[in-house]
C-alpha atoms as a PDB file:
ATOM      1  CA  MET A   1       0.000   0.000   0.000  1.00  0.00           C
ATOM      2  CA  ASP A   2       1.380   3.387  -0.909  1.00  0.00           C
ATOM      3  CA  VAL A   3       0.515   6.969   0.031  1.00  0.00           C
ATOM      4  CA  GLN A   4      -1.846   7.421  -2.927  1.00  0.00           C
ATOM      5  CA  ASP A   5      -3.811   4.346  -1.823  1.00  0.00           C
ATOM      6  CA  ILE A   6      -4.103   5.745   1.703  1.00  0.00           C
ATOM      7  CA  GLU A   7      -5.207   9.133   0.341  1.00  0.00           C
ATOM      8  CA  GLN A   8      -7.817   7.455  -1.874  1.00  0.00           C
ATOM      9  CA  ILE A   9      -9.204   5.326   0.963  1.00  0.00           C
ATOM     10  CA  TYR A  10      -9.335   8.343   3.275  1.00  0.00           C
ATOM     11  CA  ASN A  11     -11.170  10.374   0.619  1.00  0.00           C
ATOM     12  CA  GLN A  12     -13.624   7.514   0.117  1.00  0.00           C
ATOM     13  CA  LEU A  13     -14.209   7.404   3.864  1.00  0.00           C
ATOM     14  CA  GLN A  14     -14.883  11.143   3.898  1.00  0.00           C
ATOM     15  CA  GLY A  15     -17.267  10.807   0.957  1.00  0.00           C
ATOM     16  CA  GLN A  16     -19.159   7.954   2.587  1.00  0.00           C
ATOM     17  CA  ALA A  17     -19.501   9.929   5.815  1.00  0.00           C
ATOM     18  CA  GLN A  18     -20.892  12.879   3.864  1.00  0.00           C
ATOM     19  CA  GLN A  19     -23.398  10.616   2.073  1.00  0.00           C
ATOM     20  CA  THR A  20     -24.495   9.141   5.384  1.00  0.00           C
ATOM     21  CA  ALA A  21     -24.898  12.597   6.888  1.00  0.00           C
ATOM     22  CA  GLN A  22     -26.963  13.728   3.890  1.00  0.00           C
ATOM     23  CA  ALA A  23     -29.189  10.646   4.086  1.00  0.00           C
ATOM     24  CA  LEU A  24     -29.784  11.220   7.792  1.00  0.00           C
ATOM     25  CA  GLN A  25     -30.562  14.872   7.204  1.00  0.00           C
ATOM     26  CA  THR A  26     -33.001  14.035   4.392  1.00  0.00           C
ATOM     27  CA  LEU A  27     -34.792  11.473   6.542  1.00  0.00           C
ATOM     28  CA  GLY A  28     -34.820  13.895   9.467  1.00  0.00           C
ATOM     29  CA  ASN A  29     -36.424  16.571   7.301  1.00  0.00           C
ATOM     30  CA  LYS A  30     -39.118  14.148   6.118  1.00  0.00           C
ATOM     31  CA  LEU A  31     -39.867  13.068   9.663  1.00  0.00           C
ATOM     32  CA  GLN A  32     -39.952  16.668  10.850  1.00  0.00           C
ATOM     33  CA  THR A  33     -42.433  17.575   8.105  1.00  0.00           C
ATOM     34  CA  ALA A  34     -44.648  14.634   9.048  1.00  0.00           C
ATOM     35  CA  ALA A  35     -44.413  15.523  12.751  1.00  0.00           C
ATOM     36  CA  ASN A  36     -45.327  19.135  11.966  1.00  0.00           C
ATOM     37  CA  ASN A  37     -48.397  17.800  10.166  1.00  0.00           C
ATOM     38  CA  GLY A  38     -49.506  16.041  13.353  1.00  0.00           C
ATOM     39  CA  ASP A  39     -48.044  12.557  12.879  1.00  0.00           C
ATOM     40  CA  GLN A  40     -47.123  11.458  16.414  1.00  0.00           C
ATOM     41  CA  GLN A  41     -45.254   8.384  15.196  1.00  0.00           C
ATOM     42  CA  ALA A  42     -43.035  10.599  13.036  1.00  0.00           C
ATOM     43  CA  ARG A  43     -42.107  12.599  16.133  1.00  0.00           C
ATOM     44  CA  GLU A  44     -41.123   9.416  17.951  1.00  0.00           C
ATOM     45  CA  TRP A  45     -39.131   8.197  14.944  1.00  0.00           C
ATOM     46  CA  SER A  46     -37.456  11.589  14.727  1.00  0.00           C
ATOM     47  CA  LEU A  47     -36.225  11.145  18.293  1.00  0.00           C
ATOM     48  CA  ASP A  48     -34.966   7.664  17.398  1.00  0.00           C
ATOM     49  CA  LEU A  49     -33.169   9.121  14.393  1.00  0.00           C
ATOM     50  CA  ARG A  50     -31.515  11.677  16.664  1.00  0.00           C
ATOM     51  CA  GLU A  51     -30.134   8.871  18.825  1.00  0.00           C
ATOM     52  CA  LEU A  52     -28.875   7.092  15.720  1.00  0.00           C
ATOM     53  CA  ALA A  53     -27.208  10.268  14.446  1.00  0.00           C
ATOM     54  CA  LEU A  54     -25.518  10.785  17.824  1.00  0.00           C
ATOM     55  CA  SER A  55     -24.211   7.205  17.700  1.00  0.00           C
ATOM     56  CA  PHE A  56     -22.817   7.756  14.201  1.00  0.00           C
ATOM     57  CA  ARG A  57     -21.173  10.982  15.333  1.00  0.00           C
ATOM     58  CA  ASP A  58     -19.536   9.201  18.271  1.00  0.00           C
ATOM     59  CA  GLU A  59     -18.298   6.433  15.974  1.00  0.00           C
ATOM     60  CA  GLN A  60     -16.842   8.960  13.545  1.00  0.00           C
ATOM     61  CA  ASN A  61     -15.112  10.752  16.427  1.00  0.00           C
ATOM     62  CA  GLN A  62     -13.513   7.460  17.451  1.00  0.00           C
ATOM     63  CA  VAL A  63     -12.276   6.884  13.887  1.00  0.00           C
ATOM     64  CA  ALA A  64     -10.836  10.414  13.852  1.00  0.00           C
ATOM     65  CA  ASN A  65      -9.114   9.757  17.190  1.00  0.00           C
ATOM     66  CA  LEU A  66      -7.626   6.543  15.813  1.00  0.00           C
ATOM     67  CA  LEU A  67      -6.341   8.309  12.692  1.00  0.00           C
ATOM     68  CA  GLN A  68      -4.844  11.109  14.780  1.00  0.00           C
ATOM     69  CA  ALA A  69      -3.122   8.573  17.030  1.00  0.00           C
ATOM     70  CA  LEU A  70      -1.686   6.783  13.989  1.00  0.00           C
ATOM     71  CA  HIS A  71      -0.492  10.075  12.544  1.00  0.00           C
ATOM     72  CA  GLY A  72       1.106  11.029  15.864  1.00  0.00           C
ATOM     73  CA  SER A  73       2.907   7.710  16.047  1.00  0.00           C
ATOM     74  CA  LEU A  74       4.219   8.065  12.503  1.00  0.00           C
ATOM     75  CA  ALA A  75       5.354  11.619  13.198  1.00  0.00           C
ATOM     76  CA  ASN A  76       7.198  10.459  16.325  1.00  0.00           C
ATOM     77  CA  GLN A  77       8.919   7.699  14.367  1.00  0.00           C
ATOM     78  CA  ALA A  78       9.925  10.178  11.692  1.00  0.00           C
ATOM     79  CA  GLN A  79      11.355  12.502  14.320  1.00  0.00           C
ATOM     80  CA  GLN A  80      13.365   9.655  15.847  1.00  0.00           C
ATOM     81  CA  ILE A  81      14.714   8.720  12.430  1.00  0.00           C
ATOM     82  CA  GLN A  82      15.539  12.365  11.760  1.00  0.00           C
ATOM     83  CA  GLN A  83      17.578  12.554  14.961  1.00  0.00           C
ATOM     84  CA  GLN A  84      19.758   9.604  13.930  1.00  0.00           C
ATOM     85  CA  PRO A  85      23.186  10.772  12.759  1.00  0.00           C
ATOM     86  CA  GLU A  86      23.001   9.466   9.203  1.00  0.00           C
ATOM     87  CA  ALA A  87      23.662  11.205   5.934  1.00  0.00           C
ATOM     88  CA  ALA A  88      20.553   9.715   4.309  1.00  0.00           C
ATOM     89  CA  PRO A  89      17.542  11.975   3.737  1.00  0.00           C
ATOM     90  CA  THR A  90      15.048  11.945   6.570  1.00  0.00           C
ATOM     91  CA  PRO A  91      11.384  11.089   6.074  1.00  0.00           C
ATOM     92  CA  GLN A  92      10.414  14.713   6.691  1.00  0.00           C
ATOM     93  CA  GLN A  93      12.629  15.732   3.790  1.00  0.00           C
ATOM     94  CA  GLY A  94      10.498  13.753   1.397  1.00  0.00           C
ATOM     95  CA  GLY A  95      12.311  10.424   1.375  1.00  0.00           C
ATOM     96  CA  GLY A  96      10.400   7.180   1.339  1.00  0.00           C
ATOM     97  CA  PHE A  97       6.971   6.052   2.338  1.00  0.00           C
ATOM     98  CA  LEU A  98       6.974   7.604   5.801  1.00  0.00           C
ATOM     99  CA  GLY A  99       8.004  11.042   4.564  1.00  0.00           C
ATOM    100  CA  ASN A 100       5.507  10.936   1.719  1.00  0.00           C
ATOM    101  CA  LEU A 101       2.729   9.871   4.081  1.00  0.00           C
ATOM    102  CA  LEU A 102       3.523  12.572   6.624  1.00  0.00           C
ATOM    103  CA  ASN A 103       3.487  15.227   3.903  1.00  0.00           C
ATOM    104  CA  SER A 104       0.290  13.964   2.245  1.00  0.00           C
ATOM    105  CA  GLY A 105      -3.098  15.645   2.230  1.00  0.00           C
ATOM    106  CA  PHE A 106      -4.376  12.844   4.450  1.00  0.00           C
ATOM    107  CA  ALA A 107      -1.761  13.601   7.104  1.00  0.00           C
ATOM    108  CA  GLN A 108      -2.350  17.331   6.886  1.00  0.00           C
ATOM    109  CA  SER A 109      -6.096  16.815   7.354  1.00  0.00           C
ATOM    110  CA  ILE A 110      -5.580  14.547  10.334  1.00  0.00           C
ATOM    111  CA  GLU A 111      -2.961  16.832  11.876  1.00  0.00           C
ATOM    112  CA  ALA A 112      -5.326  19.787  11.545  1.00  0.00           C
ATOM    113  CA  GLY A 113      -8.007  17.774  13.315  1.00  0.00           C
ATOM    114  CA  ALA A 114     -10.243  17.635  10.278  1.00  0.00           C
ATOM    115  CA  GLY A 115     -13.187  15.411  10.832  1.00  0.00           C
ATOM    116  CA  PHE A 116     -15.357  13.666   8.361  1.00  0.00           C
ATOM    117  CA  GLY A 117     -18.081  12.663  10.751  1.00  0.00           C
ATOM    118  CA  ILE A 118     -21.611  13.793  11.148  1.00  0.00           C
ATOM    119  CA  GLY A 119     -20.813  16.546  13.603  1.00  0.00           C
ATOM    120  CA  ASP A 120     -22.846  18.789  15.808  1.00  0.00           C
ATOM    121  CA  ASP A 121     -24.088  20.965  12.940  1.00  0.00           C
ATOM    122  CA  LEU A 122     -25.982  18.054  11.409  1.00  0.00           C
ATOM    123  CA  ILE A 123     -27.432  17.075  14.778  1.00  0.00           C
ATOM    124  CA  LYS A 124     -28.632  20.663  15.232  1.00  0.00           C
ATOM    125  CA  LYS A 125     -30.128  20.702  11.711  1.00  0.00           C
ATOM    126  CA  LEU A 126     -31.969  17.471  12.349  1.00  0.00           C
ATOM    127  CA  PHE A 127     -33.386  18.634  15.649  1.00  0.00           C
END
């Protein structure tokens, strides 16, 4: 697996999270419309959907935490390699898989704390 593969998988994961968020928002809007029209079951289902959305958000936060931990570990390894007294280029200087990964868009997103989960904004929109 190379850096491009990791970038592609990460982008797919982001895209899937966005599709899931959109589907939840669409369903939430439909349920809200039905509840506003007096459908008591729709109100109950809307509350169930809220719980589901909160569970998805928590899951996505855990995935983000895992990715940030992996990035931190790779960055620490790169720093240790960089401190070794060798004449070879260090990973941070663009050499090899580790350097390419740490300088990739994936790593920059993770380092910046970018999430791809459902987030509080969606929860607020749904309810």
